[in-house]
Amino acid sequence: MKIRTRKLLGTIAAVSFLTIYCLVAMVIGNAIMVRHVGGFGEAAFFVIAGLAWLPPAMLLVRWMQRPDPQ
């Protein structure tokens, strides 16, 4: 697969993944707020949720940047 095709597919996948991830994180965050877990629990959730999308995104970018096979 050529790099241009990988970048197109990777961009579509990244936008789709981040959209779904944000929606799921909002639902979980709302459930946490309803349970009144306290300030520390909310802060921990937001730190974890704010960083959890990075490893899949890094793997996707690494795949997109692979050189073309010769």
C-alpha atoms as a PDB file:
ATOM      1  CA  MET A   1       0.000   0.000   0.000  1.00  0.00           C
ATOM      2  CA  LYS A   2       1.360   3.403  -0.922  1.00  0.00           C
ATOM      3  CA  ILE A   3       1.989   6.031   1.728  1.00  0.00           C
ATOM      4  CA  ARG A   4      -0.681   8.342   0.304  1.00  0.00           C
ATOM      5  CA  THR A   5      -3.314   5.638   0.662  1.00  0.00           C
ATOM      6  CA  ARG A   6      -2.162   4.826   4.206  1.00  0.00           C
ATOM      7  CA  LYS A   7      -2.358   8.511   5.144  1.00  0.00           C
ATOM      8  CA  LEU A   8      -5.881   8.817   3.743  1.00  0.00           C
ATOM      9  CA  LEU A   9      -7.086   5.690   5.530  1.00  0.00           C
ATOM     10  CA  GLY A  10      -5.227   6.676   8.694  1.00  0.00           C
ATOM     11  CA  THR A  11      -6.779  10.137   8.726  1.00  0.00           C
ATOM     12  CA  ILE A  12     -10.271   8.703   8.318  1.00  0.00           C
ATOM     13  CA  ALA A  13      -9.563   6.135  11.049  1.00  0.00           C
ATOM     14  CA  ALA A  14      -8.117   8.765  13.410  1.00  0.00           C
ATOM     15  CA  VAL A  15     -11.071  11.117  13.034  1.00  0.00           C
ATOM     16  CA  SER A  16     -13.534   8.242  13.480  1.00  0.00           C
ATOM     17  CA  PHE A  17     -11.690   6.849  16.498  1.00  0.00           C
ATOM     18  CA  LEU A  18     -11.370  10.222  18.224  1.00  0.00           C
ATOM     19  CA  THR A  19     -15.029  11.047  17.638  1.00  0.00           C
ATOM     20  CA  ILE A  20     -16.187   7.766  19.142  1.00  0.00           C
ATOM     21  CA  TYR A  21     -13.611   7.990  21.942  1.00  0.00           C
ATOM     22  CA  CYS A  22     -14.734  11.494  22.921  1.00  0.00           C
ATOM     23  CA  LEU A  23     -18.377  10.453  22.999  1.00  0.00           C
ATOM     24  CA  VAL A  24     -17.630   7.407  25.154  1.00  0.00           C
ATOM     25  CA  ALA A  25     -15.407   9.453  27.491  1.00  0.00           C
ATOM     26  CA  MET A  26     -18.192  12.017  27.905  1.00  0.00           C
ATOM     27  CA  VAL A  27     -20.713   9.303  28.820  1.00  0.00           C
ATOM     28  CA  ILE A  28     -18.327   7.741  31.330  1.00  0.00           C
ATOM     29  CA  GLY A  29     -17.405  11.163  32.716  1.00  0.00           C
ATOM     30  CA  ASN A  30     -21.056  12.021  33.163  1.00  0.00           C
ATOM     31  CA  ALA A  31     -21.629   8.749  35.014  1.00  0.00           C
ATOM     32  CA  ILE A  32     -18.711   9.557  37.309  1.00  0.00           C
ATOM     33  CA  MET A  33     -20.060  13.041  38.002  1.00  0.00           C
ATOM     34  CA  VAL A  34     -23.470  11.595  38.923  1.00  0.00           C
ATOM     35  CA  ARG A  35     -21.916   9.207  41.445  1.00  0.00           C
ATOM     36  CA  HIS A  36     -20.096  12.047  43.258  1.00  0.00           C
ATOM     37  CA  VAL A  37     -16.771  10.254  43.531  1.00  0.00           C
ATOM     38  CA  GLY A  38     -15.086  13.396  44.779  1.00  0.00           C
ATOM     39  CA  GLY A  39     -12.603  15.804  43.333  1.00  0.00           C
ATOM     40  CA  PHE A  40      -9.689  13.360  43.321  1.00  0.00           C
ATOM     41  CA  GLY A  41     -11.684  10.693  41.479  1.00  0.00           C
ATOM     42  CA  GLU A  42     -12.846  13.188  38.869  1.00  0.00           C
ATOM     43  CA  ALA A  43      -9.332  14.551  38.393  1.00  0.00           C
ATOM     44  CA  ALA A  44      -7.945  11.023  38.022  1.00  0.00           C
ATOM     45  CA  PHE A  45     -10.589  10.193  35.421  1.00  0.00           C
ATOM     46  CA  PHE A  46      -9.864  13.305  33.384  1.00  0.00           C
ATOM     47  CA  VAL A  47      -6.109  12.697  33.456  1.00  0.00           C
ATOM     48  CA  ILE A  48      -6.524   9.069  32.381  1.00  0.00           C
ATOM     49  CA  ALA A  49      -9.179   9.841  29.768  1.00  0.00           C
ATOM     50  CA  GLY A  50      -7.139  12.752  28.468  1.00  0.00           C
ATOM     51  CA  LEU A  51      -4.090  10.576  27.876  1.00  0.00           C
ATOM     52  CA  ALA A  52      -5.643   7.205  26.961  1.00  0.00           C
ATOM     53  CA  TRP A  53      -6.175   8.101  23.308  1.00  0.00           C
ATOM     54  CA  LEU A  54      -2.468   8.731  22.721  1.00  0.00           C
ATOM     55  CA  PRO A  55      -1.119   5.141  22.395  1.00  0.00           C
ATOM     56  CA  PRO A  56      -3.624   4.115  19.683  1.00  0.00           C
ATOM     57  CA  ALA A  57      -3.038   7.402  17.867  1.00  0.00           C
ATOM     58  CA  MET A  58       0.737   6.937  18.036  1.00  0.00           C
ATOM     59  CA  LEU A  59       0.446   3.429  16.592  1.00  0.00           C
ATOM     60  CA  LEU A  60      -1.750   4.745  13.801  1.00  0.00           C
ATOM     61  CA  VAL A  61       0.667   7.562  12.959  1.00  0.00           C
ATOM     62  CA  ARG A  62       3.604   5.136  13.005  1.00  0.00           C
ATOM     63  CA  TRP A  63       1.726   2.909  10.545  1.00  0.00           C
ATOM     64  CA  MET A  64       0.890   5.895   8.333  1.00  0.00           C
ATOM     65  CA  GLN A  65       4.526   7.026   8.187  1.00  0.00           C
ATOM     66  CA  ARG A  66       6.053   3.728   7.134  1.00  0.00           C
ATOM     67  CA  PRO A  67       8.007   4.059   3.897  1.00  0.00           C
ATOM     68  CA  ASP A  68       6.624   2.609   0.689  1.00  0.00           C
ATOM     69  CA  PRO A  69       7.736  -0.951  -0.072  1.00  0.00           C
ATOM     70  CA  GLN A  70      10.233  -1.016  -2.888  1.00  0.00           C
END
